[in-house]
């Protein structure tokens, strides 16, 4: 049997509250794939990414900008300013010459009026929305359902699924045929996870939301899909998991490791690109290191 040292994937670490901060993680999650060869897949598009300051969201923002999109993303005020500034700088370094400067918007997306504010700011600045990525999320570990309070249940559902309804509702007023919506769900929606029961319930809700919304918007020419990542090295992990679990993140996958964010981002690029995924709607992509799920 392998020793605990051999099984360790990351240095043990934790953060005391959510959302987590990427700039203090060791090692820093990899948002950039140096082997990515852009080909203007999203040239001229305007994309909005919730929770885009770090983790998967940052990698998606970067990949979208690299492919020619103008990017706006949201972050949580009084916690994620440094990560948001870093992401803005990364996007500006690679944005297309005819793309507009990226923008970061601070907002608690669990409330309808805040989502409307975000959409209004994007429209005031860029005039339209072509791609909406609903990615913001939080999770908390518990041993039993009895530990999940009404207050926490409300908070997790607001962040993870209410925000997707609200952002979608307001964005759709400005989306034309050829636009698309991409929702972030999780492998937990398919395999279940007893230690993040409320989080898992929201991720299954996102799958159903994606499928129903896709059918609703087909006649408008708007595609709706989702991505269900497996374990990924993001701030969500040390901010919600004990150190020993962080150290072994991804060891349960057939690949025996967690993904880096840049390994997940291409799924979003594929789904956002009309000439790559024009026949995809109501579908979920599964970058999860080989975990077999019943889709």
C-alpha atoms as a PDB file:
ATOM      1  CA  UNK A   1       0.000   0.000   0.000  1.00  0.00           C
ATOM      2  CA  UNK A   2       1.253   3.482  -0.873  1.00  0.00           C
ATOM      3  CA  UNK A   3       2.371   5.665   1.989  1.00  0.00           C
ATOM      4  CA  UNK A   4       0.492   8.843   2.867  1.00  0.00           C
ATOM      5  CA  UNK A   5       3.406  10.849   1.451  1.00  0.00           C
ATOM      6  CA  UNK A   6       3.154   9.046  -1.898  1.00  0.00           C
ATOM      7  CA  UNK A   7      -0.600   9.612  -2.056  1.00  0.00           C
ATOM      8  CA  UNK A   8      -0.349  13.334  -1.374  1.00  0.00           C
ATOM      9  CA  UNK A   9      -1.109  15.453  -4.442  1.00  0.00           C
ATOM     10  CA  UNK A  10      -0.885  18.986  -3.049  1.00  0.00           C
ATOM     11  CA  UNK A  11       0.665  20.511   0.062  1.00  0.00           C
ATOM     12  CA  UNK A  12      -1.890  20.408   2.896  1.00  0.00           C
ATOM     13  CA  UNK A  13      -3.579  23.792   3.125  1.00  0.00           C
ATOM     14  CA  UNK A  14      -6.857  25.439   4.021  1.00  0.00           C
ATOM     15  CA  UNK A  15      -8.559  28.822   3.903  1.00  0.00           C
ATOM     16  CA  UNK A  16     -10.845  30.106   6.605  1.00  0.00           C
ATOM     17  CA  UNK A  17     -13.778  31.340   4.518  1.00  0.00           C
ATOM     18  CA  UNK A  18     -15.411  31.418   1.124  1.00  0.00           C
ATOM     19  CA  UNK A  19     -14.944  32.379  -1.572  1.00  0.00           C
ATOM     20  CA  UNK A  20     -11.370  31.127  -1.588  1.00  0.00           C
ATOM     21  CA  UNK A  21      -8.427  33.158  -2.848  1.00  0.00           C
ATOM     22  CA  UNK A  22      -6.300  31.834  -5.690  1.00  0.00           C
ATOM     23  CA  UNK A  23      -3.249  34.015  -5.139  1.00  0.00           C
ATOM     24  CA  UNK A  24      -2.483  32.381  -1.757  1.00  0.00           C
ATOM     25  CA  UNK A  25      -2.715  28.779  -3.005  1.00  0.00           C
ATOM     26  CA  UNK A  26       0.352  26.527  -3.222  1.00  0.00           C
ATOM     27  CA  UNK A  27       0.866  25.733  -6.029  1.00  0.00           C
ATOM     28  CA  UNK A  28      -1.082  28.372  -7.948  1.00  0.00           C
ATOM     29  CA  UNK A  29      -3.751  26.796 -10.180  1.00  0.00           C
ATOM     30  CA  UNK A  30      -2.781  26.778 -13.849  1.00  0.00           C
ATOM     31  CA  UNK A  31      -5.211  28.868 -15.894  1.00  0.00           C
ATOM     32  CA  UNK A  32      -2.956  29.100 -18.950  1.00  0.00           C
ATOM     33  CA  UNK A  33      -2.121  26.256 -21.304  1.00  0.00           C
ATOM     34  CA  UNK A  34       1.045  27.274 -23.191  1.00  0.00           C
ATOM     35  CA  UNK A  35       0.190  24.770 -25.936  1.00  0.00           C
ATOM     36  CA  UNK A  36      -3.195  26.388 -26.738  1.00  0.00           C
ATOM     37  CA  UNK A  37      -3.172  27.496 -30.388  1.00  0.00           C
ATOM     38  CA  UNK A  38      -5.991  30.064 -30.796  1.00  0.00           C
ATOM     39  CA  UNK A  39      -7.924  30.246 -34.064  1.00  0.00           C
ATOM     40  CA  UNK A  40     -10.415  33.113 -33.577  1.00  0.00           C
ATOM     41  CA  UNK A  41     -13.210  30.744 -32.590  1.00  0.00           C
ATOM     42  CA  UNK A  42     -14.991  33.521 -30.663  1.00  0.00           C
ATOM     43  CA  UNK A  43     -13.968  36.530 -32.697  1.00  0.00           C
ATOM     44  CA  UNK A  44     -16.300  39.476 -32.175  1.00  0.00           C
ATOM     45  CA  UNK A  45     -18.317  37.809 -29.395  1.00  0.00           C
ATOM     46  CA  UNK A  46     -19.163  39.302 -26.001  1.00  0.00           C
ATOM     47  CA  UNK A  47     -18.967  36.819 -23.122  1.00  0.00           C
ATOM     48  CA  UNK A  48     -20.085  37.105 -19.498  1.00  0.00           C
ATOM     49  CA  UNK A  49     -18.555  34.654 -16.992  1.00  0.00           C
ATOM     50  CA  UNK A  50     -19.810  34.542 -13.409  1.00  0.00           C
ATOM     51  CA  UNK A  51     -17.164  33.692 -10.819  1.00  0.00           C
ATOM     52  CA  UNK A  52     -14.541  34.505 -13.424  1.00  0.00           C
ATOM     53  CA  UNK A  53     -11.822  35.847 -11.144  1.00  0.00           C
ATOM     54  CA  UNK A  54     -10.265  32.469 -10.285  1.00  0.00           C
ATOM     55  CA  UNK A  55     -10.290  28.717 -10.849  1.00  0.00           C
ATOM     56  CA  UNK A  56     -12.268  27.403 -13.807  1.00  0.00           C
ATOM     57  CA  UNK A  57     -13.812  30.836 -14.353  1.00  0.00           C
ATOM     58  CA  UNK A  58     -10.414  32.485 -14.786  1.00  0.00           C
ATOM     59  CA  UNK A  59      -9.268  29.800 -17.218  1.00  0.00           C
ATOM     60  CA  UNK A  60     -12.470  30.218 -19.245  1.00  0.00           C
ATOM     61  CA  UNK A  61     -12.089  34.018 -19.340  1.00  0.00           C
ATOM     62  CA  UNK A  62      -8.500  33.657 -20.521  1.00  0.00           C
ATOM     63  CA  UNK A  63      -9.341  31.068 -23.186  1.00  0.00           C
ATOM     64  CA  UNK A  64     -12.287  33.130 -24.447  1.00  0.00           C
ATOM     65  CA  UNK A  65     -10.100  36.239 -24.730  1.00  0.00           C
ATOM     66  CA  UNK A  66      -7.416  34.236 -26.504  1.00  0.00           C
ATOM     67  CA  UNK A  67     -10.070  33.167 -29.025  1.00  0.00           C
ATOM     68  CA  UNK A  68     -11.074  36.768 -29.724  1.00  0.00           C
ATOM     69  CA  UNK A  69     -13.972  37.442 -27.336  1.00  0.00           C
ATOM     70  CA  UNK A  70     -14.596  40.575 -25.301  1.00  0.00           C
ATOM     71  CA  UNK A  71     -14.949  39.334 -21.713  1.00  0.00           C
ATOM     72  CA  UNK A  72     -16.802  40.540 -18.614  1.00  0.00           C
ATOM     73  CA  UNK A  73     -16.712  38.559 -15.378  1.00  0.00           C
ATOM     74  CA  UNK A  74     -18.060  38.794 -11.853  1.00  0.00           C
ATOM     75  CA  UNK A  75     -16.336  38.418  -8.501  1.00  0.00           C
ATOM     76  CA  UNK A  76     -17.151  38.812  -4.808  1.00  0.00           C
ATOM     77  CA  UNK A  77     -16.295  42.165  -3.279  1.00  0.00           C
ATOM     78  CA  UNK A  78     -14.140  42.438  -0.116  1.00  0.00           C
ATOM     79  CA  UNK A  79     -12.629  39.022  -0.825  1.00  0.00           C
ATOM     80  CA  UNK A  80     -11.619  38.519  -4.449  1.00  0.00           C
ATOM     81  CA  UNK A  81     -10.246  41.918  -5.524  1.00  0.00           C
ATOM     82  CA  UNK A  82      -6.651  40.679  -5.906  1.00  0.00           C
ATOM     83  CA  UNK A  83      -7.705  37.668  -7.968  1.00  0.00           C
ATOM     84  CA  UNK A  84      -9.984  39.850 -10.101  1.00  0.00           C
ATOM     85  CA  UNK A  85      -7.145  42.301 -10.778  1.00  0.00           C
ATOM     86  CA  UNK A  86      -4.837  39.435 -11.757  1.00  0.00           C
ATOM     87  CA  UNK A  87      -7.440  38.010 -14.126  1.00  0.00           C
ATOM     88  CA  UNK A  88      -8.064  41.397 -15.755  1.00  0.00           C
ATOM     89  CA  UNK A  89      -4.344  41.765 -16.351  1.00  0.00           C
ATOM     90  CA  UNK A  90      -4.092  38.275 -17.863  1.00  0.00           C
ATOM     91  CA  UNK A  91      -6.993  38.919 -20.233  1.00  0.00           C
ATOM     92  CA  UNK A  92      -5.678  42.323 -21.329  1.00  0.00           C
ATOM     93  CA  UNK A  93      -2.343  40.731 -22.217  1.00  0.00           C
ATOM     94  CA  UNK A  94      -3.940  38.399 -24.772  1.00  0.00           C
ATOM     95  CA  UNK A  95      -7.106  40.151 -25.942  1.00  0.00           C
ATOM     96  CA  UNK A  96      -7.599  40.625 -29.670  1.00  0.00           C
ATOM     97  CA  UNK A  97      -6.787  44.047 -31.093  1.00  0.00           C
ATOM     98  CA  UNK A  98     -10.438  44.672 -31.985  1.00  0.00           C
ATOM     99  CA  UNK A  99     -11.843  43.304 -28.695  1.00  0.00           C
ATOM    100  CA  UNK A 100     -12.796  45.795 -26.003  1.00  0.00           C
ATOM    101  CA  UNK A 101     -11.017  45.920 -22.662  1.00  0.00           C
ATOM    102  CA  UNK A 102     -12.345  43.317 -20.216  1.00  0.00           C
ATOM    103  CA  UNK A 103     -14.400  44.370 -17.218  1.00  0.00           C
ATOM    104  CA  UNK A 104     -14.786  42.925 -13.716  1.00  0.00           C
ATOM    105  CA  UNK A 105     -18.031  43.491 -11.823  1.00  0.00           C
ATOM    106  CA  UNK A 106     -18.411  42.922  -8.085  1.00  0.00           C
ATOM    107  CA  UNK A 107     -21.763  41.346  -7.205  1.00  0.00           C
ATOM    108  CA  UNK A 108     -23.544  38.871  -4.952  1.00  0.00           C
ATOM    109  CA  UNK A 109     -25.376  36.940  -7.648  1.00  0.00           C
ATOM    110  CA  UNK A 110     -27.739  35.204  -5.251  1.00  0.00           C
ATOM    111  CA  UNK A 111     -30.160  38.099  -5.629  1.00  0.00           C
ATOM    112  CA  UNK A 112     -32.135  39.085  -8.698  1.00  0.00           C
ATOM    113  CA  UNK A 113     -31.450  42.815  -8.531  1.00  0.00           C
ATOM    114  CA  UNK A 114     -27.689  42.213  -8.460  1.00  0.00           C
ATOM    115  CA  UNK A 115     -27.845  39.986 -11.530  1.00  0.00           C
ATOM    116  CA  UNK A 116     -29.844  42.667 -13.340  1.00  0.00           C
ATOM    117  CA  UNK A 117     -27.184  45.202 -12.362  1.00  0.00           C
ATOM    118  CA  UNK A 118     -24.430  43.005 -13.827  1.00  0.00           C
ATOM    119  CA  UNK A 119     -26.284  42.521 -17.110  1.00  0.00           C
ATOM    120  CA  UNK A 120     -27.128  46.219 -17.352  1.00  0.00           C
ATOM    121  CA  UNK A 121     -23.478  47.169 -16.847  1.00  0.00           C
ATOM    122  CA  UNK A 122     -22.357  44.775 -19.567  1.00  0.00           C
ATOM    123  CA  UNK A 123     -24.968  46.089 -21.983  1.00  0.00           C
ATOM    124  CA  UNK A 124     -24.071  49.711 -21.210  1.00  0.00           C
ATOM    125  CA  UNK A 125     -20.415  48.936 -21.931  1.00  0.00           C
ATOM    126  CA  UNK A 126     -20.561  46.383 -24.747  1.00  0.00           C
ATOM    127  CA  UNK A 127     -24.089  46.600 -26.177  1.00  0.00           C
ATOM    128  CA  UNK A 128     -24.915  42.900 -26.228  1.00  0.00           C
ATOM    129  CA  UNK A 129     -24.287  39.446 -24.749  1.00  0.00           C
ATOM    130  CA  UNK A 130     -23.455  36.502 -27.023  1.00  0.00           C
ATOM    131  CA  UNK A 131     -22.181  33.981 -24.457  1.00  0.00           C
ATOM    132  CA  UNK A 132     -23.288  33.556 -20.849  1.00  0.00           C
ATOM    133  CA  UNK A 133     -21.288  31.226 -18.602  1.00  0.00           C
ATOM    134  CA  UNK A 134     -23.028  30.547 -15.276  1.00  0.00           C
ATOM    135  CA  UNK A 135     -20.092  29.379 -13.193  1.00  0.00           C
ATOM    136  CA  UNK A 136     -20.246  30.955  -9.702  1.00  0.00           C
ATOM    137  CA  UNK A 137     -20.549  28.397  -6.884  1.00  0.00           C
ATOM    138  CA  UNK A 138     -19.844  27.603  -3.255  1.00  0.00           C
ATOM    139  CA  UNK A 139     -19.765  24.407  -1.208  1.00  0.00           C
ATOM    140  CA  UNK A 140     -19.454  23.380   2.456  1.00  0.00           C
ATOM    141  CA  UNK A 141     -18.536  19.993   3.903  1.00  0.00           C
ATOM    142  CA  UNK A 142     -20.850  18.270   6.378  1.00  0.00           C
ATOM    143  CA  UNK A 143     -21.144  14.776   7.819  1.00  0.00           C
ATOM    144  CA  UNK A 144     -24.921  14.655   8.078  1.00  0.00           C
ATOM    145  CA  UNK A 145     -27.979  16.408   6.707  1.00  0.00           C
ATOM    146  CA  UNK A 146     -28.764  17.511  10.258  1.00  0.00           C
ATOM    147  CA  UNK A 147     -25.831  19.933  10.081  1.00  0.00           C
ATOM    148  CA  UNK A 148     -27.286  21.805   7.101  1.00  0.00           C
ATOM    149  CA  UNK A 149     -29.123  24.817   8.458  1.00  0.00           C
ATOM    150  CA  UNK A 150     -31.877  26.721   6.671  1.00  0.00           C
ATOM    151  CA  UNK A 151     -29.569  29.730   6.429  1.00  0.00           C
ATOM    152  CA  UNK A 152     -26.796  27.748   4.743  1.00  0.00           C
ATOM    153  CA  UNK A 153     -29.183  25.922   2.445  1.00  0.00           C
ATOM    154  CA  UNK A 154     -30.569  29.251   1.296  1.00  0.00           C
ATOM    155  CA  UNK A 155     -27.040  30.610   0.764  1.00  0.00           C
ATOM    156  CA  UNK A 156     -25.805  27.632  -1.288  1.00  0.00           C
ATOM    157  CA  UNK A 157     -28.915  27.476  -3.456  1.00  0.00           C
ATOM    158  CA  UNK A 158     -28.800  31.238  -4.047  1.00  0.00           C
ATOM    159  CA  UNK A 159     -25.182  31.170  -5.168  1.00  0.00           C
ATOM    160  CA  UNK A 160     -25.289  27.958  -7.195  1.00  0.00           C
ATOM    161  CA  UNK A 161     -28.702  27.814  -8.878  1.00  0.00           C
ATOM    162  CA  UNK A 162     -30.741  30.963  -8.144  1.00  0.00           C
ATOM    163  CA  UNK A 163     -27.953  32.979  -9.768  1.00  0.00           C
ATOM    164  CA  UNK A 164     -28.223  30.917 -12.933  1.00  0.00           C
ATOM    165  CA  UNK A 165     -31.957  31.572 -13.219  1.00  0.00           C
ATOM    166  CA  UNK A 166     -31.488  35.296 -12.537  1.00  0.00           C
ATOM    167  CA  UNK A 167     -28.490  35.818 -14.842  1.00  0.00           C
ATOM    168  CA  UNK A 168     -30.186  33.876 -17.621  1.00  0.00           C
ATOM    169  CA  UNK A 169     -33.469  35.733 -17.304  1.00  0.00           C
ATOM    170  CA  UNK A 170     -31.866  39.151 -17.608  1.00  0.00           C
ATOM    171  CA  UNK A 171     -29.284  38.156 -20.238  1.00  0.00           C
ATOM    172  CA  UNK A 172     -31.888  36.652 -22.560  1.00  0.00           C
ATOM    173  CA  UNK A 173     -33.369  40.093 -23.206  1.00  0.00           C
ATOM    174  CA  UNK A 174     -30.161  40.899 -25.074  1.00  0.00           C
ATOM    175  CA  UNK A 175     -29.279  37.548 -26.676  1.00  0.00           C
ATOM    176  CA  UNK A 176     -29.945  36.906 -30.358  1.00  0.00           C
ATOM    177  CA  UNK A 177     -30.049  33.704 -32.449  1.00  0.00           C
ATOM    178  CA  UNK A 178     -26.590  32.131 -32.403  1.00  0.00           C
ATOM    179  CA  UNK A 179     -26.004  33.056 -28.765  1.00  0.00           C
ATOM    180  CA  UNK A 180     -25.371  30.374 -26.156  1.00  0.00           C
ATOM    181  CA  UNK A 181     -25.540  29.659 -22.444  1.00  0.00           C
ATOM    182  CA  UNK A 182     -23.101  27.327 -20.658  1.00  0.00           C
ATOM    183  CA  UNK A 183     -23.754  26.227 -17.071  1.00  0.00           C
ATOM    184  CA  UNK A 184     -21.195  24.713 -14.714  1.00  0.00           C
ATOM    185  CA  UNK A 185     -22.509  21.628 -12.930  1.00  0.00           C
ATOM    186  CA  UNK A 186     -20.345  18.877 -11.390  1.00  0.00           C
ATOM    187  CA  UNK A 187     -19.555  15.174 -11.479  1.00  0.00           C
ATOM    188  CA  UNK A 188     -21.255  15.136  -8.057  1.00  0.00           C
ATOM    189  CA  UNK A 189     -24.606  15.590  -9.799  1.00  0.00           C
ATOM    190  CA  UNK A 190     -24.119  12.127 -11.325  1.00  0.00           C
ATOM    191  CA  UNK A 191     -22.123  10.203  -8.720  1.00  0.00           C
ATOM    192  CA  UNK A 192     -23.531  11.849  -5.598  1.00  0.00           C
ATOM    193  CA  UNK A 193     -21.436  13.063  -2.695  1.00  0.00           C
ATOM    194  CA  UNK A 194     -22.573  12.607   0.908  1.00  0.00           C
ATOM    195  CA  UNK A 195     -20.144  15.201   2.285  1.00  0.00           C
ATOM    196  CA  UNK A 196     -21.441  18.105   0.167  1.00  0.00           C
ATOM    197  CA  UNK A 197     -25.116  17.220   0.072  1.00  0.00           C
ATOM    198  CA  UNK A 198     -26.556  20.696  -0.510  1.00  0.00           C
ATOM    199  CA  UNK A 199     -23.913  21.522  -3.143  1.00  0.00           C
ATOM    200  CA  UNK A 200     -24.629  18.220  -4.910  1.00  0.00           C
ATOM    201  CA  UNK A 201     -28.364  18.953  -4.920  1.00  0.00           C
ATOM    202  CA  UNK A 202     -27.761  22.312  -6.620  1.00  0.00           C
ATOM    203  CA  UNK A 203     -25.530  20.709  -9.234  1.00  0.00           C
ATOM    204  CA  UNK A 204     -28.242  18.182 -10.138  1.00  0.00           C
ATOM    205  CA  UNK A 205     -30.709  21.073 -10.349  1.00  0.00           C
ATOM    206  CA  UNK A 206     -28.349  22.722 -12.844  1.00  0.00           C
ATOM    207  CA  UNK A 207     -28.437  19.625 -15.068  1.00  0.00           C
ATOM    208  CA  UNK A 208     -32.232  19.704 -15.163  1.00  0.00           C
ATOM    209  CA  UNK A 209     -32.242  23.479 -15.639  1.00  0.00           C
ATOM    210  CA  UNK A 210     -29.870  23.096 -18.598  1.00  0.00           C
ATOM    211  CA  UNK A 211     -31.989  20.437 -20.296  1.00  0.00           C
ATOM    212  CA  UNK A 212     -35.300  22.227 -19.817  1.00  0.00           C
ATOM    213  CA  UNK A 213     -33.948  25.632 -20.820  1.00  0.00           C
ATOM    214  CA  UNK A 214     -32.356  24.153 -23.940  1.00  0.00           C
ATOM    215  CA  UNK A 215     -35.730  22.863 -25.099  1.00  0.00           C
ATOM    216  CA  UNK A 216     -37.352  26.198 -24.266  1.00  0.00           C
ATOM    217  CA  UNK A 217     -34.843  28.229 -26.299  1.00  0.00           C
ATOM    218  CA  UNK A 218     -34.427  26.013 -29.369  1.00  0.00           C
ATOM    219  CA  UNK A 219     -36.975  28.049 -31.320  1.00  0.00           C
ATOM    220  CA  UNK A 220     -35.014  31.224 -30.536  1.00  0.00           C
ATOM    221  CA  UNK A 221     -31.822  29.722 -31.940  1.00  0.00           C
ATOM    222  CA  UNK A 222     -30.032  29.876 -28.579  1.00  0.00           C
ATOM    223  CA  UNK A 223     -28.111  26.788 -27.463  1.00  0.00           C
ATOM    224  CA  UNK A 224     -27.852  25.780 -23.777  1.00  0.00           C
ATOM    225  CA  UNK A 225     -25.304  23.250 -22.529  1.00  0.00           C
ATOM    226  CA  UNK A 226     -23.302  22.455 -19.405  1.00  0.00           C
ATOM    227  CA  UNK A 227     -19.914  21.217 -18.221  1.00  0.00           C
ATOM    228  CA  UNK A 228     -19.602  18.766 -15.309  1.00  0.00           C
ATOM    229  CA  UNK A 229     -15.985  18.867 -14.120  1.00  0.00           C
ATOM    230  CA  UNK A 230     -14.468  16.273 -11.853  1.00  0.00           C
ATOM    231  CA  UNK A 231     -12.008  17.367  -9.121  1.00  0.00           C
ATOM    232  CA  UNK A 232     -10.150  20.528 -10.149  1.00  0.00           C
ATOM    233  CA  UNK A 233      -7.426  22.488  -8.357  1.00  0.00           C
ATOM    234  CA  UNK A 234      -9.295  25.729  -7.587  1.00  0.00           C
ATOM    235  CA  UNK A 235      -9.793  27.979  -4.515  1.00  0.00           C
ATOM    236  CA  UNK A 236     -13.064  26.173  -3.802  1.00  0.00           C
ATOM    237  CA  UNK A 237     -11.065  23.177  -2.532  1.00  0.00           C
ATOM    238  CA  UNK A 238      -8.917  24.656   0.285  1.00  0.00           C
ATOM    239  CA  UNK A 239     -11.766  27.011   1.215  1.00  0.00           C
ATOM    240  CA  UNK A 240     -14.215  24.146   1.822  1.00  0.00           C
ATOM    241  CA  UNK A 241     -12.185  21.006   2.540  1.00  0.00           C
ATOM    242  CA  UNK A 242      -9.885  19.894   5.392  1.00  0.00           C
ATOM    243  CA  UNK A 243      -6.164  19.806   4.698  1.00  0.00           C
ATOM    244  CA  UNK A 244      -5.935  16.021   4.388  1.00  0.00           C
ATOM    245  CA  UNK A 245      -8.617  15.942   1.682  1.00  0.00           C
ATOM    246  CA  UNK A 246      -6.981  18.821  -0.183  1.00  0.00           C
ATOM    247  CA  UNK A 247      -3.687  16.936  -0.192  1.00  0.00           C
ATOM    248  CA  UNK A 248      -5.299  13.940  -1.924  1.00  0.00           C
ATOM    249  CA  UNK A 249      -7.614  15.837  -4.282  1.00  0.00           C
ATOM    250  CA  UNK A 250      -8.265  13.829  -7.432  1.00  0.00           C
ATOM    251  CA  UNK A 251      -6.864  10.535  -6.138  1.00  0.00           C
ATOM    252  CA  UNK A 252     -10.289   8.923  -6.597  1.00  0.00           C
ATOM    253  CA  UNK A 253     -10.219   9.407 -10.383  1.00  0.00           C
ATOM    254  CA  UNK A 254      -8.846   6.800 -12.813  1.00  0.00           C
ATOM    255  CA  UNK A 255      -6.172   9.335 -13.763  1.00  0.00           C
ATOM    256  CA  UNK A 256      -5.269   9.548 -10.045  1.00  0.00           C
ATOM    257  CA  UNK A 257      -5.029  13.331 -10.065  1.00  0.00           C
ATOM    258  CA  UNK A 258      -7.050  16.530 -10.109  1.00  0.00           C
ATOM    259  CA  UNK A 259      -7.333  18.655 -13.221  1.00  0.00           C
ATOM    260  CA  UNK A 260      -5.813  22.065 -13.655  1.00  0.00           C
ATOM    261  CA  UNK A 261      -8.340  24.747 -14.673  1.00  0.00           C
ATOM    262  CA  UNK A 262      -6.865  25.088 -18.159  1.00  0.00           C
ATOM    263  CA  UNK A 263      -7.763  21.437 -18.800  1.00  0.00           C
ATOM    264  CA  UNK A 264     -11.446  22.238 -18.244  1.00  0.00           C
ATOM    265  CA  UNK A 265     -11.633  25.507 -20.210  1.00  0.00           C
ATOM    266  CA  UNK A 266     -11.546  23.936 -23.717  1.00  0.00           C
ATOM    267  CA  UNK A 267     -14.940  22.331 -23.050  1.00  0.00           C
ATOM    268  CA  UNK A 268     -16.382  25.833 -22.648  1.00  0.00           C
ATOM    269  CA  UNK A 269     -14.629  27.101 -25.778  1.00  0.00           C
ATOM    270  CA  UNK A 270     -16.063  24.180 -27.750  1.00  0.00           C
ATOM    271  CA  UNK A 271     -19.601  24.801 -26.510  1.00  0.00           C
ATOM    272  CA  UNK A 272     -19.320  28.571 -27.061  1.00  0.00           C
ATOM    273  CA  UNK A 273     -18.118  28.212 -30.655  1.00  0.00           C
ATOM    274  CA  UNK A 274     -21.025  27.881 -33.080  1.00  0.00           C
ATOM    275  CA  UNK A 275     -19.037  26.241 -35.859  1.00  0.00           C
ATOM    276  CA  UNK A 276     -17.698  23.621 -33.412  1.00  0.00           C
ATOM    277  CA  UNK A 277     -20.864  22.726 -31.467  1.00  0.00           C
ATOM    278  CA  UNK A 278     -23.817  23.884 -33.576  1.00  0.00           C
ATOM    279  CA  UNK A 279     -25.596  20.517 -33.070  1.00  0.00           C
ATOM    280  CA  UNK A 280     -25.146  20.519 -29.282  1.00  0.00           C
ATOM    281  CA  UNK A 281     -27.911  21.702 -27.000  1.00  0.00           C
ATOM    282  CA  UNK A 282     -29.212  20.304 -23.721  1.00  0.00           C
ATOM    283  CA  UNK A 283     -25.954  18.350 -23.351  1.00  0.00           C
ATOM    284  CA  UNK A 284     -23.345  18.012 -20.601  1.00  0.00           C
ATOM    285  CA  UNK A 285     -19.617  17.531 -21.225  1.00  0.00           C
ATOM    286  CA  UNK A 286     -17.662  15.509 -18.644  1.00  0.00           C
ATOM    287  CA  UNK A 287     -13.972  16.434 -18.201  1.00  0.00           C
ATOM    288  CA  UNK A 288     -13.491  14.314 -15.075  1.00  0.00           C
ATOM    289  CA  UNK A 289     -10.321  12.247 -15.382  1.00  0.00           C
ATOM    290  CA  UNK A 290     -12.061   9.073 -16.542  1.00  0.00           C
ATOM    291  CA  UNK A 291     -14.895   8.763 -13.997  1.00  0.00           C
ATOM    292  CA  UNK A 292     -17.760   6.869 -15.653  1.00  0.00           C
ATOM    293  CA  UNK A 293     -21.125   8.575 -15.144  1.00  0.00           C
ATOM    294  CA  UNK A 294     -24.674   7.840 -16.231  1.00  0.00           C
ATOM    295  CA  UNK A 295     -25.507  10.896 -18.297  1.00  0.00           C
END
